[in-house]
N, C-alpha and C. Protein backbone atom coordinates (compact mmCIF):
# COMPACT_ATOMS: atom_id res chain seq x y z
N MET A 1 0.84 -1.17 0.00
CA MET A 1 0.00 0.00 0.00
C MET A 1 0.88 1.23 0.00
N SER A 2 0.99 1.84 -1.10
CA SER A 2 1.85 3.01 -1.21
C SER A 2 1.08 4.31 -1.14
N GLY A 3 -0.17 4.27 -0.74
CA GLY A 3 -0.96 5.48 -0.67
C GLY A 3 -1.73 5.74 -1.95
N GLN A 4 -1.54 4.91 -2.96
CA GLN A 4 -2.24 5.10 -4.22
C GLN A 4 -3.64 4.51 -4.19
N LEU A 5 -3.88 3.56 -3.32
CA LEU A 5 -5.17 2.90 -3.22
C LEU A 5 -5.70 3.10 -1.82
N LYS A 6 -6.96 3.47 -1.70
CA LYS A 6 -7.55 3.68 -0.38
C LYS A 6 -7.60 2.36 0.37
N ARG A 7 -7.42 2.44 1.69
CA ARG A 7 -7.39 1.26 2.54
C ARG A 7 -8.60 0.35 2.32
N ASP A 8 -9.80 0.92 2.31
CA ASP A 8 -11.01 0.11 2.15
C ASP A 8 -11.03 -0.60 0.79
N ASP A 9 -10.60 0.09 -0.24
CA ASP A 9 -10.56 -0.52 -1.57
C ASP A 9 -9.53 -1.64 -1.63
N PHE A 10 -8.38 -1.40 -1.00
CA PHE A 10 -7.34 -2.42 -0.95
C PHE A 10 -7.84 -3.68 -0.24
N LEU A 11 -8.43 -3.50 0.94
CA LEU A 11 -8.90 -4.65 1.71
C LEU A 11 -10.07 -5.35 1.01
N ALA A 12 -10.91 -4.61 0.34
CA ALA A 12 -12.01 -5.24 -0.40
C ALA A 12 -11.47 -6.12 -1.51
N SER A 13 -10.31 -5.77 -2.04
CA SER A 13 -9.73 -6.58 -3.12
C SER A 13 -9.13 -7.88 -2.61
N VAL A 14 -8.84 -7.98 -1.31
CA VAL A 14 -8.25 -9.21 -0.80
C VAL A 14 -9.23 -10.08 -0.04
N VAL A 15 -10.35 -9.53 0.38
CA VAL A 15 -11.35 -10.30 1.12
C VAL A 15 -12.45 -10.70 0.15
N THR A 16 -12.44 -11.96 -0.21
CA THR A 16 -13.44 -12.49 -1.14
C THR A 16 -13.99 -13.80 -0.56
N ALA A 17 -14.66 -14.57 -1.37
CA ALA A 17 -15.23 -15.84 -0.91
C ALA A 17 -14.14 -16.71 -0.27
N ARG A 18 -14.52 -17.46 0.74
CA ARG A 18 -13.57 -18.30 1.47
C ARG A 18 -13.06 -19.45 0.61
N SER A 19 -11.77 -19.52 0.49
CA SER A 19 -11.06 -20.65 -0.11
C SER A 19 -9.64 -20.55 0.42
N ALA A 20 -8.85 -21.57 0.22
CA ALA A 20 -7.48 -21.57 0.73
C ALA A 20 -6.68 -20.40 0.16
N VAL A 21 -6.78 -20.18 -1.13
CA VAL A 21 -6.03 -19.09 -1.77
C VAL A 21 -6.53 -17.75 -1.28
N ASN A 22 -7.84 -17.59 -1.19
CA ASN A 22 -8.39 -16.32 -0.75
C ASN A 22 -8.03 -16.03 0.70
N THR A 23 -8.00 -17.04 1.53
CA THR A 23 -7.62 -16.84 2.93
C THR A 23 -6.15 -16.43 3.02
N GLN A 24 -5.32 -16.97 2.17
CA GLN A 24 -3.91 -16.55 2.13
C GLN A 24 -3.82 -15.09 1.72
N ARG A 25 -4.59 -14.70 0.73
CA ARG A 25 -4.59 -13.30 0.27
C ARG A 25 -5.08 -12.38 1.39
N GLU A 26 -6.11 -12.82 2.12
CA GLU A 26 -6.63 -12.02 3.22
C GLU A 26 -5.55 -11.85 4.29
N CYS A 27 -4.86 -12.93 4.60
CA CYS A 27 -3.77 -12.88 5.59
C CYS A 27 -2.72 -11.86 5.15
N GLN A 28 -2.29 -11.97 3.92
CA GLN A 28 -1.27 -11.08 3.41
C GLN A 28 -1.76 -9.63 3.34
N GLY A 29 -2.97 -9.46 2.86
CA GLY A 29 -3.51 -8.11 2.72
C GLY A 29 -3.63 -7.39 4.05
N TYR A 30 -4.16 -8.09 5.05
CA TYR A 30 -4.31 -7.45 6.36
C TYR A 30 -2.95 -7.23 7.03
N PHE A 31 -1.97 -8.07 6.73
CA PHE A 31 -0.64 -7.81 7.28
C PHE A 31 -0.10 -6.49 6.74
N TYR A 32 -0.20 -6.30 5.43
CA TYR A 32 0.35 -5.07 4.84
C TYR A 32 -0.47 -3.84 5.23
N ALA A 33 -1.76 -4.02 5.42
CA ALA A 33 -2.57 -2.91 5.93
C ALA A 33 -2.13 -2.55 7.35
N GLY A 34 -1.84 -3.57 8.16
CA GLY A 34 -1.36 -3.34 9.52
C GLY A 34 0.00 -2.65 9.54
N ALA A 35 0.85 -3.06 8.62
CA ALA A 35 2.17 -2.43 8.53
C ALA A 35 2.02 -0.95 8.15
N GLN A 36 1.10 -0.66 7.23
CA GLN A 36 0.85 0.73 6.85
C GLN A 36 0.28 1.51 8.03
N ALA A 37 -0.59 0.87 8.80
CA ALA A 37 -1.15 1.53 9.98
C ALA A 37 -0.03 1.89 10.96
N LEU A 38 0.94 0.99 11.14
CA LEU A 38 2.08 1.30 12.02
C LEU A 38 2.87 2.49 11.50
N ILE A 39 3.10 2.52 10.21
CA ILE A 39 3.83 3.64 9.61
C ILE A 39 3.11 4.95 9.89
N ASN A 40 1.77 4.88 9.88
CA ASN A 40 0.94 6.06 10.13
C ASN A 40 0.68 6.31 11.61
N HIS A 41 1.36 5.56 12.48
CA HIS A 41 1.24 5.69 13.94
C HIS A 41 -0.17 5.39 14.44
N ASP A 42 -0.87 4.50 13.74
CA ASP A 42 -2.21 4.07 14.13
C ASP A 42 -2.09 2.71 14.82
N ILE A 43 -1.77 2.75 16.10
CA ILE A 43 -1.53 1.51 16.85
C ILE A 43 -2.79 0.66 16.92
N HIS A 44 -3.92 1.26 17.19
CA HIS A 44 -5.16 0.48 17.30
C HIS A 44 -5.53 -0.17 15.97
N GLY A 45 -5.35 0.56 14.89
CA GLY A 45 -5.62 -0.01 13.57
C GLY A 45 -4.69 -1.16 13.26
N ALA A 46 -3.41 -0.99 13.60
CA ALA A 46 -2.43 -2.05 13.37
C ALA A 46 -2.78 -3.29 14.19
N LEU A 47 -3.13 -3.09 15.45
CA LEU A 47 -3.51 -4.23 16.29
C LEU A 47 -4.70 -4.97 15.69
N SER A 48 -5.68 -4.24 15.25
CA SER A 48 -6.87 -4.85 14.65
C SER A 48 -6.51 -5.66 13.41
N ASP A 49 -5.69 -5.07 12.54
CA ASP A 49 -5.28 -5.75 11.31
C ASP A 49 -4.45 -7.00 11.62
N PHE A 50 -3.51 -6.89 12.54
CA PHE A 50 -2.67 -8.04 12.87
C PHE A 50 -3.48 -9.15 13.55
N GLU A 51 -4.46 -8.78 14.34
CA GLU A 51 -5.34 -9.79 14.94
C GLU A 51 -6.14 -10.50 13.85
N ARG A 52 -6.54 -9.76 12.84
CA ARG A 52 -7.27 -10.38 11.72
C ARG A 52 -6.36 -11.35 10.97
N VAL A 53 -5.09 -10.99 10.81
CA VAL A 53 -4.12 -11.89 10.18
C VAL A 53 -4.03 -13.20 10.95
N VAL A 54 -3.86 -13.09 12.25
CA VAL A 54 -3.72 -14.29 13.09
C VAL A 54 -5.00 -15.13 13.02
N GLY A 55 -6.12 -14.48 12.90
CA GLY A 55 -7.39 -15.19 12.79
C GLY A 55 -7.53 -16.04 11.53
N THR A 56 -6.73 -15.76 10.52
CA THR A 56 -6.79 -16.56 9.29
C THR A 56 -6.13 -17.93 9.49
N ARG A 57 -5.29 -18.04 10.49
CA ARG A 57 -4.57 -19.29 10.81
C ARG A 57 -3.73 -19.82 9.65
N GLN A 58 -3.17 -18.92 8.89
CA GLN A 58 -2.29 -19.30 7.78
C GLN A 58 -0.85 -19.40 8.31
N ILE A 59 -0.62 -20.38 9.16
CA ILE A 59 0.61 -20.46 9.96
C ILE A 59 1.88 -20.66 9.15
N THR A 60 1.76 -21.01 7.88
CA THR A 60 2.97 -21.20 7.07
C THR A 60 3.40 -19.94 6.34
N LEU A 61 2.59 -18.91 6.39
CA LEU A 61 2.93 -17.67 5.67
C LEU A 61 3.80 -16.76 6.53
N PRO A 62 4.81 -16.15 5.92
CA PRO A 62 5.65 -15.22 6.68
C PRO A 62 4.86 -14.04 7.25
N GLU A 63 3.83 -13.61 6.56
CA GLU A 63 3.02 -12.51 7.05
C GLU A 63 2.31 -12.88 8.36
N TYR A 64 1.87 -14.12 8.45
CA TYR A 64 1.24 -14.61 9.69
C TYR A 64 2.25 -14.56 10.84
N LEU A 65 3.43 -15.10 10.59
CA LEU A 65 4.46 -15.12 11.63
C LEU A 65 4.87 -13.71 12.04
N SER A 66 4.97 -12.83 11.07
CA SER A 66 5.34 -11.45 11.37
C SER A 66 4.24 -10.73 12.15
N ALA A 67 2.99 -11.00 11.80
CA ALA A 67 1.87 -10.38 12.52
C ALA A 67 1.87 -10.83 13.98
N ARG A 68 2.13 -12.10 14.23
CA ARG A 68 2.20 -12.59 15.61
C ARG A 68 3.31 -11.87 16.38
N ALA A 69 4.45 -11.69 15.73
CA ALA A 69 5.56 -10.99 16.37
C ALA A 69 5.19 -9.53 16.65
N GLU A 70 4.55 -8.89 15.70
CA GLU A 70 4.13 -7.50 15.90
C GLU A 70 3.14 -7.40 17.05
N LEU A 71 2.19 -8.34 17.13
CA LEU A 71 1.22 -8.32 18.22
C LEU A 71 1.91 -8.44 19.58
N ARG A 72 2.90 -9.33 19.66
CA ARG A 72 3.65 -9.47 20.93
C ARG A 72 4.34 -8.16 21.27
N GLY A 73 4.91 -7.50 20.28
CA GLY A 73 5.61 -6.25 20.53
C GLY A 73 4.69 -5.09 20.87
N LEU A 74 3.46 -5.15 20.39
CA LEU A 74 2.51 -4.05 20.61
C LEU A 74 1.62 -4.26 21.82
N GLN A 75 1.67 -5.40 22.46
CA GLN A 75 0.74 -5.69 23.54
C GLN A 75 0.73 -4.64 24.64
N GLY A 76 1.84 -4.08 25.00
CA GLY A 76 1.89 -3.08 26.04
C GLY A 76 1.41 -1.72 25.60
N ARG A 77 1.13 -1.55 24.32
CA ARG A 77 0.77 -0.23 23.79
C ARG A 77 -0.72 -0.09 23.53
N ARG A 78 -1.53 -1.02 23.98
CA ARG A 78 -3.00 -0.98 23.73
C ARG A 78 -3.62 0.19 24.38
């Protein structure tokens, strides 16, 4: 997300009907949205996005592992 696409439009493009591939895309999309939220100093938004990533249970994806690490690091900042 480089600022060229609105957050809602970006997330709408990754959240579609449930399937293995779509759930992977959702995991990845919400991770990058969370990363953008952190860049914008939106801690609550980042927490929400990273929690959504973890909820996908895509445990083999690097974005999932990174979201879990970010959540651990942000826990004291709620």
